[in-house]
């Protein structure tokens, strides 16, 4: 499920537009407390190799941990990205991209933090927070 083209999108108000090259058509869900607090539910993202932003004067960045930060539109609040401070990983919320694409939910992380009031029907690879950090050598 490789993607050969950049995907474009905008925030709700249109002040920020972005172009990103997803690594694949795979979507991941994060159930950590920070992601759920940030968006009111799990964060559904696509890992991207690069991200280009137009209207960056409208982008706010919040340092949410020692290792990552979250970007959002300062005017409308749309969540634009989650990025690692080192290593260049950008995770873009799949809903920011324009159009209906053939995305596939394949992984859930911080599965041990997922509350009982929701669940996904898809069979996915599930990692606890500890397993995820071990994968990145943290």
N, C-alpha and C. Protein backbone atom coordinates (compact mmCIF):
# COMPACT_ATOMS: atom_id res chain seq x y z
N UNK A 1 0.82 -1.19 0.00
CA UNK A 1 0.00 0.00 0.00
C UNK A 1 0.86 1.25 0.00
N UNK A 2 1.85 1.30 -0.81
CA UNK A 2 2.70 2.48 -0.86
C UNK A 2 2.01 3.62 -1.57
N UNK A 3 2.40 4.82 -1.21
CA UNK A 3 1.87 6.03 -1.83
C UNK A 3 3.01 6.70 -2.59
N UNK A 4 2.75 7.07 -3.82
CA UNK A 4 3.78 7.71 -4.62
C UNK A 4 3.59 9.22 -4.71
N UNK A 5 2.45 9.72 -4.23
CA UNK A 5 2.15 11.13 -4.40
C UNK A 5 1.99 11.81 -3.05
N UNK A 6 2.19 13.12 -3.05
CA UNK A 6 1.89 13.91 -1.86
C UNK A 6 0.39 14.00 -1.68
N UNK A 7 -0.01 14.14 -0.44
CA UNK A 7 -1.41 14.34 -0.09
C UNK A 7 -1.54 15.75 0.43
N UNK A 8 -2.60 16.44 0.03
CA UNK A 8 -2.82 17.81 0.47
C UNK A 8 -4.00 17.91 1.41
N UNK A 9 -4.02 18.99 2.17
CA UNK A 9 -5.12 19.23 3.08
C UNK A 9 -5.08 20.63 3.63
N UNK A 10 -6.13 20.98 4.34
CA UNK A 10 -6.22 22.30 4.96
C UNK A 10 -6.84 22.17 6.34
N UNK A 11 -6.68 23.24 7.11
CA UNK A 11 -7.39 23.33 8.38
C UNK A 11 -8.84 23.71 8.11
N UNK A 12 -9.65 23.76 9.13
CA UNK A 12 -11.07 24.11 8.96
C UNK A 12 -11.28 25.49 8.37
N UNK A 13 -10.51 26.47 8.80
CA UNK A 13 -10.72 27.85 8.34
C UNK A 13 -9.99 28.16 7.04
N UNK A 14 -9.06 27.30 6.62
CA UNK A 14 -8.34 27.51 5.38
C UNK A 14 -7.09 28.37 5.50
N UNK A 15 -6.76 28.83 6.69
CA UNK A 15 -5.56 29.63 6.86
C UNK A 15 -4.28 28.83 6.68
N UNK A 16 -4.35 27.52 6.93
CA UNK A 16 -3.18 26.66 6.82
C UNK A 16 -3.48 25.56 5.81
N UNK A 17 -2.56 25.39 4.88
CA UNK A 17 -2.64 24.25 3.98
C UNK A 17 -1.34 23.47 4.10
N UNK A 18 -1.44 22.17 3.88
CA UNK A 18 -0.25 21.35 4.00
C UNK A 18 -0.19 20.35 2.87
N UNK A 19 1.03 19.89 2.64
CA UNK A 19 1.30 18.84 1.68
C UNK A 19 2.26 17.88 2.37
N UNK A 20 1.93 16.60 2.31
CA UNK A 20 2.75 15.61 2.98
C UNK A 20 2.89 14.37 2.11
N UNK A 21 3.99 13.66 2.29
CA UNK A 21 4.19 12.40 1.59
C UNK A 21 4.06 11.27 2.61
N UNK A 22 2.87 10.65 2.67
CA UNK A 22 2.68 9.53 3.58
C UNK A 22 3.61 8.37 3.22
N UNK A 23 4.07 7.66 4.25
CA UNK A 23 4.93 6.50 4.03
C UNK A 23 4.13 5.34 3.44
N UNK A 24 2.82 5.31 3.75
CA UNK A 24 1.94 4.26 3.24
C UNK A 24 0.50 4.72 3.41
N UNK A 25 -0.43 3.87 3.11
CA UNK A 25 -1.84 4.16 3.31
C UNK A 25 -2.31 3.65 4.68
N UNK A 26 -1.37 3.35 5.54
CA UNK A 26 -1.67 2.81 6.85
C UNK A 26 -1.96 3.91 7.86
N UNK A 27 -3.02 3.71 8.62
CA UNK A 27 -3.42 4.62 9.68
C UNK A 27 -3.13 3.96 11.01
N UNK A 28 -2.61 4.74 11.95
CA UNK A 28 -2.40 4.27 13.30
C UNK A 28 -3.27 5.05 14.27
N UNK A 29 -3.67 4.39 15.34
CA UNK A 29 -4.48 5.04 16.38
C UNK A 29 -3.67 5.07 17.66
N UNK A 30 -3.64 6.23 18.30
CA UNK A 30 -2.97 6.37 19.60
C UNK A 30 -4.02 6.62 20.66
N UNK A 31 -3.97 5.81 21.72
CA UNK A 31 -4.93 5.90 22.81
C UNK A 31 -4.34 6.50 24.07
N UNK A 32 -3.15 7.10 23.98
CA UNK A 32 -2.53 7.66 25.19
C UNK A 32 -3.40 8.80 25.74
N UNK A 33 -3.21 9.08 27.02
CA UNK A 33 -4.02 10.11 27.67
C UNK A 33 -3.84 11.48 27.02
N UNK A 34 -2.61 11.81 26.57
CA UNK A 34 -2.39 13.11 25.95
C UNK A 34 -3.15 13.24 24.64
N UNK A 35 -3.10 12.22 23.79
CA UNK A 35 -3.83 12.28 22.52
C UNK A 35 -5.33 12.36 22.75
N UNK A 36 -5.84 11.60 23.71
CA UNK A 36 -7.27 11.66 24.00
C UNK A 36 -7.67 13.01 24.58
N UNK A 37 -6.81 13.60 25.38
CA UNK A 37 -7.09 14.94 25.93
C UNK A 37 -7.06 15.97 24.79
N UNK A 38 -6.10 15.83 23.87
CA UNK A 38 -5.92 16.78 22.78
C UNK A 38 -7.13 16.80 21.84
N UNK A 39 -7.65 15.62 21.51
CA UNK A 39 -8.71 15.57 20.51
C UNK A 39 -10.03 15.00 20.97
N UNK A 40 -10.13 14.63 22.24
CA UNK A 40 -11.39 14.09 22.73
C UNK A 40 -11.60 12.62 22.42
N UNK A 41 -10.61 11.98 21.85
CA UNK A 41 -10.69 10.57 21.49
C UNK A 41 -9.34 10.14 20.97
N UNK A 42 -9.24 8.95 20.40
CA UNK A 42 -7.95 8.50 19.89
C UNK A 42 -7.49 9.37 18.73
N UNK A 43 -6.18 9.51 18.61
CA UNK A 43 -5.60 10.26 17.49
C UNK A 43 -5.36 9.27 16.35
N UNK A 44 -5.95 9.53 15.19
CA UNK A 44 -5.82 8.68 14.01
C UNK A 44 -4.88 9.37 13.04
N UNK A 45 -3.70 8.80 12.83
CA UNK A 45 -2.66 9.47 12.06
C UNK A 45 -2.06 8.60 10.97
N UNK A 46 -1.42 9.30 10.04
CA UNK A 46 -0.65 8.69 8.96
C UNK A 46 0.79 9.17 9.13
N UNK A 47 1.75 8.25 9.19
CA UNK A 47 3.16 8.63 9.28
C UNK A 47 3.61 9.18 7.93
N UNK A 48 4.27 10.34 7.98
CA UNK A 48 4.69 11.02 6.76
C UNK A 48 6.19 11.25 6.76
N UNK A 49 6.78 11.19 5.57
CA UNK A 49 8.21 11.40 5.41
C UNK A 49 8.57 12.88 5.46
N UNK A 50 7.69 13.70 4.98
CA UNK A 50 7.96 15.14 4.92
C UNK A 50 6.64 15.88 5.00
N UNK A 51 6.72 17.11 5.47
CA UNK A 51 5.53 17.95 5.58
C UNK A 51 5.90 19.36 5.17
N UNK A 52 5.11 19.92 4.26
CA UNK A 52 5.28 21.32 3.84
C UNK A 52 4.02 22.06 4.25
N UNK A 53 4.22 23.22 4.87
CA UNK A 53 3.08 24.00 5.37
C UNK A 53 3.08 25.38 4.73
N UNK A 54 1.92 25.81 4.26
CA UNK A 54 1.70 27.18 3.82
C UNK A 54 0.80 27.84 4.84
N UNK A 55 1.12 29.06 5.21
CA UNK A 55 0.39 29.76 6.25
C UNK A 55 0.94 29.45 7.63
N UNK A 56 2.25 29.19 7.67
CA UNK A 56 2.87 28.78 8.94
C UNK A 56 2.77 29.86 10.03
N UNK A 57 2.47 31.11 9.66
CA UNK A 57 2.27 32.13 10.68
C UNK A 57 1.01 31.86 11.50
N UNK A 58 0.14 30.97 11.00
CA UNK A 58 -1.09 30.61 11.70
C UNK A 58 -0.94 29.32 12.49
N UNK A 59 0.25 28.74 12.48
CA UNK A 59 0.48 27.46 13.15
C UNK A 59 1.07 27.69 14.54
N UNK A 60 0.42 27.11 15.52
CA UNK A 60 0.95 27.08 16.87
C UNK A 60 1.56 25.71 17.12
N UNK A 61 2.59 25.67 17.95
CA UNK A 61 3.24 24.40 18.28
C UNK A 61 3.30 24.29 19.79
N UNK A 62 2.85 23.16 20.29
CA UNK A 62 2.85 22.90 21.72
C UNK A 62 3.81 21.76 22.02
N UNK A 63 4.78 21.99 22.88
CA UNK A 63 5.72 20.95 23.29
C UNK A 63 5.02 20.09 24.35
N UNK A 64 4.49 18.95 23.93
CA UNK A 64 3.67 18.13 24.82
C UNK A 64 4.47 17.14 25.65
N UNK A 65 5.74 16.94 25.31
CA UNK A 65 6.59 16.04 26.09
C UNK A 65 8.05 16.37 25.78
N UNK A 66 8.95 15.66 26.41
CA UNK A 66 10.38 15.87 26.15
C UNK A 66 10.76 15.46 24.73
N UNK A 67 9.98 14.60 24.11
CA UNK A 67 10.35 14.04 22.81
C UNK A 67 9.45 14.45 21.65
N UNK A 68 8.30 15.10 21.92
CA UNK A 68 7.38 15.39 20.82
C UNK A 68 6.66 16.71 21.01
N UNK A 69 6.11 17.21 19.89
CA UNK A 69 5.30 18.42 19.91
C UNK A 69 4.15 18.27 18.95
N UNK A 70 3.14 19.09 19.17
CA UNK A 70 1.89 19.02 18.40
C UNK A 70 1.62 20.37 17.75
N UNK A 71 1.25 20.34 16.47
CA UNK A 71 0.96 21.56 15.74
C UNK A 71 -0.53 21.70 15.48
N UNK A 72 -0.99 22.96 15.49
CA UNK A 72 -2.41 23.23 15.32
C UNK A 72 -2.59 24.61 14.70
N UNK A 73 -3.73 24.83 14.08
CA UNK A 73 -4.06 26.16 13.55
C UNK A 73 -4.47 27.05 14.71
N UNK A 74 -3.83 28.21 14.82
CA UNK A 74 -4.13 29.13 15.92
C UNK A 74 -5.51 29.78 15.76
N UNK A 75 -6.06 29.79 14.54
CA UNK A 75 -7.36 30.43 14.32
C UNK A 75 -8.52 29.47 14.60
N UNK A 76 -8.49 28.27 14.04
CA UNK A 76 -9.64 27.36 14.16
C UNK A 76 -9.37 26.16 15.05
N UNK A 77 -8.12 25.92 15.41
CA UNK A 77 -7.80 24.83 16.32
C UNK A 77 -7.56 23.47 15.68
N UNK A 78 -7.66 23.39 14.35
CA UNK A 78 -7.45 22.10 13.69
C UNK A 78 -6.09 21.52 14.05
N UNK A 79 -6.08 20.24 14.39
CA UNK A 79 -4.83 19.54 14.67
C UNK A 79 -4.14 19.23 13.35
N UNK A 80 -2.89 19.66 13.21
CA UNK A 80 -2.18 19.54 11.94
C UNK A 80 -1.11 18.47 11.94
N UNK A 81 -0.43 18.28 13.06
CA UNK A 81 0.62 17.26 13.11
C UNK A 81 1.04 16.96 14.54
N UNK A 82 1.62 15.81 14.67
CA UNK A 82 2.36 15.39 15.86
C UNK A 82 3.74 15.08 15.31
N UNK A 83 4.79 15.60 15.92
CA UNK A 83 6.12 15.32 15.39
C UNK A 83 7.10 15.06 16.52
N UNK A 84 8.06 14.19 16.23
CA UNK A 84 9.13 13.94 17.17
C UNK A 84 10.12 15.09 17.06
N UNK A 85 10.66 15.51 18.20
CA UNK A 85 11.63 16.61 18.20
C UNK A 85 12.93 16.21 17.53
N UNK A 86 13.23 14.93 17.54
CA UNK A 86 14.43 14.42 16.86
C UNK A 86 14.00 13.28 15.93
N UNK A 87 14.60 13.20 14.78
CA UNK A 87 14.34 12.10 13.88
C UNK A 87 13.43 12.39 12.71
N UNK A 88 12.72 13.52 12.75
CA UNK A 88 11.96 13.94 11.59
C UNK A 88 10.65 13.23 11.33
N UNK A 89 10.12 12.45 12.28
CA UNK A 89 8.84 11.79 12.06
C UNK A 89 7.70 12.79 12.21
N UNK A 90 6.83 12.85 11.21
CA UNK A 90 5.60 13.62 11.27
C UNK A 90 4.44 12.65 11.20
N UNK A 91 3.50 12.77 12.10
CA UNK A 91 2.26 12.01 12.06
C UNK A 91 1.15 13.03 11.84
N UNK A 92 0.46 12.90 10.72
CA UNK A 92 -0.58 13.85 10.34
C UNK A 92 -1.94 13.20 10.55
N UNK A 93 -2.85 13.89 11.25
CA UNK A 93 -4.20 13.33 11.40
C UNK A 93 -4.81 13.04 10.03
N UNK A 94 -5.28 11.83 9.85
CA UNK A 94 -5.77 11.40 8.54
C UNK A 94 -6.93 12.26 8.05
N UNK A 95 -7.72 12.81 8.95
CA UNK A 95 -8.85 13.65 8.56
C UNK A 95 -8.47 15.00 7.98
N UNK A 96 -7.21 15.42 8.15
CA UNK A 96 -6.75 16.69 7.58
C UNK A 96 -6.61 16.59 6.07
N UNK A 97 -6.31 15.39 5.56
CA UNK A 97 -6.12 15.23 4.12
C UNK A 97 -7.43 15.38 3.38
N UNK A 98 -7.38 16.05 2.22
CA UNK A 98 -8.55 16.24 1.38
C UNK A 98 -8.93 14.94 0.69
N UNK A 99 -10.21 14.76 0.46
CA UNK A 99 -10.70 13.63 -0.32
C UNK A 99 -10.79 12.35 0.48
N UNK A 100 -11.51 11.41 -0.11
CA UNK A 100 -11.63 10.08 0.48
C UNK A 100 -10.55 9.21 -0.13
N UNK A 101 -9.61 8.82 0.68
CA UNK A 101 -8.53 7.97 0.19
C UNK A 101 -8.70 6.58 0.75
N UNK A 102 -7.98 5.66 0.19
CA UNK A 102 -8.06 4.27 0.57
C UNK A 102 -7.14 3.99 1.76
N UNK A 103 -7.49 4.56 2.91
CA UNK A 103 -6.69 4.37 4.12
C UNK A 103 -7.09 3.07 4.81
N UNK A 104 -6.16 2.50 5.56
CA UNK A 104 -6.42 1.25 6.28
C UNK A 104 -5.86 1.35 7.70
N UNK A 105 -6.73 1.17 8.70
CA UNK A 105 -6.30 1.16 10.10
C UNK A 105 -5.55 -0.14 10.36
N UNK A 106 -4.26 -0.02 10.70
CA UNK A 106 -3.43 -1.22 10.86
C UNK A 106 -2.79 -1.36 12.24
N UNK A 107 -2.72 -0.27 13.01
CA UNK A 107 -2.01 -0.34 14.28
C UNK A 107 -2.66 0.56 15.32
N UNK A 108 -2.64 0.07 16.57
CA UNK A 108 -3.07 0.87 17.71
C UNK A 108 -1.95 0.84 18.74
N UNK A 109 -1.62 2.03 19.25
CA UNK A 109 -0.58 2.12 20.27
C UNK A 109 -1.18 2.66 21.57
N UNK A 110 -0.48 2.40 22.65
CA UNK A 110 -0.97 2.68 24.00
C UNK A 110 -2.32 1.98 24.20
N UNK A 111 -2.38 0.75 23.68
CA UNK A 111 -3.62 -0.02 23.79
C UNK A 111 -3.98 -0.26 25.26
N UNK A 112 -2.95 -0.26 26.12
CA UNK A 112 -3.19 -0.44 27.55
C UNK A 112 -3.81 0.80 28.20
N UNK A 113 -3.86 1.92 27.48
CA UNK A 113 -4.47 3.15 27.98
C UNK A 113 -5.85 3.39 27.41
N UNK A 114 -6.28 2.54 26.46
CA UNK A 114 -7.57 2.73 25.81
C UNK A 114 -8.70 2.52 26.81
N UNK A 115 -9.61 3.49 26.93
CA UNK A 115 -10.75 3.29 27.82
C UNK A 115 -11.72 2.25 27.25
N UNK A 116 -12.56 1.73 28.09
CA UNK A 116 -13.49 0.68 27.68
C UNK A 116 -14.68 1.18 26.86
N UNK A 117 -14.92 2.49 26.80
CA UNK A 117 -16.13 2.98 26.16
C UNK A 117 -16.10 3.03 24.64
N UNK A 118 -14.99 2.66 24.01
CA UNK A 118 -14.97 2.54 22.55
C UNK A 118 -14.02 1.43 22.15
N UNK A 119 -14.21 0.93 20.92
CA UNK A 119 -13.27 -0.04 20.34
C UNK A 119 -13.46 -0.02 18.83
N UNK A 120 -12.43 -0.46 18.12
CA UNK A 120 -12.48 -0.53 16.66
C UNK A 120 -12.75 -1.96 16.23
N UNK A 121 -13.48 -2.13 15.15
CA UNK A 121 -13.81 -3.46 14.65
C UNK A 121 -12.65 -4.12 13.91
N UNK A 122 -11.74 -3.31 13.33
CA UNK A 122 -10.64 -3.87 12.55
C UNK A 122 -9.67 -4.65 13.43
N UNK A 123 -9.12 -5.69 12.86
CA UNK A 123 -8.02 -6.42 13.50
C UNK A 123 -6.75 -5.63 13.21
N UNK A 124 -6.01 -5.24 14.26
CA UNK A 124 -4.82 -4.42 14.10
C UNK A 124 -3.68 -4.98 14.93
N UNK A 125 -2.51 -4.48 14.64
CA UNK A 125 -1.37 -4.74 15.51
C UNK A 125 -1.54 -3.81 16.71
N UNK A 126 -1.42 -4.35 17.92
CA UNK A 126 -1.64 -3.57 19.13
C UNK A 126 -0.38 -3.55 19.98
N UNK A 127 0.04 -2.35 20.37
CA UNK A 127 1.22 -2.19 21.21
C UNK A 127 0.86 -1.44 22.48
N UNK A 128 1.38 -1.89 23.60
CA UNK A 128 1.25 -1.13 24.84
C UNK A 128 2.21 0.05 24.78
N UNK A 129 2.09 0.98 25.70
CA UNK A 129 3.03 2.09 25.76
C UNK A 129 4.45 1.60 25.96
N UNK A 130 4.63 0.62 26.83
CA UNK A 130 5.97 0.08 27.09
C UNK A 130 6.57 -0.57 25.84
N UNK A 131 5.75 -1.31 25.10
CA UNK A 131 6.23 -1.94 23.86
C UNK A 131 6.60 -0.88 22.81
N UNK A 132 5.83 0.19 22.74
CA UNK A 132 6.12 1.26 21.78
C UNK A 132 7.44 1.94 22.12
N UNK A 133 7.65 2.29 23.37
CA UNK A 133 8.90 2.93 23.78
C UNK A 133 10.09 2.01 23.56
N UNK A 134 9.91 0.72 23.79
CA UNK A 134 11.00 -0.24 23.56
C UNK A 134 11.36 -0.30 22.08
N UNK A 135 10.37 -0.16 21.22
CA UNK A 135 10.60 -0.17 19.78
C UNK A 135 11.49 1.01 19.35
N UNK A 136 11.36 2.14 20.05
CA UNK A 136 12.15 3.33 19.73
C UNK A 136 13.38 3.46 20.60
N UNK A 137 13.64 2.46 21.43
CA UNK A 137 14.83 2.48 22.26
C UNK A 137 14.77 3.48 23.40
N UNK A 138 13.57 3.84 23.83
CA UNK A 138 13.42 4.82 24.91
C UNK A 138 13.29 4.15 26.25
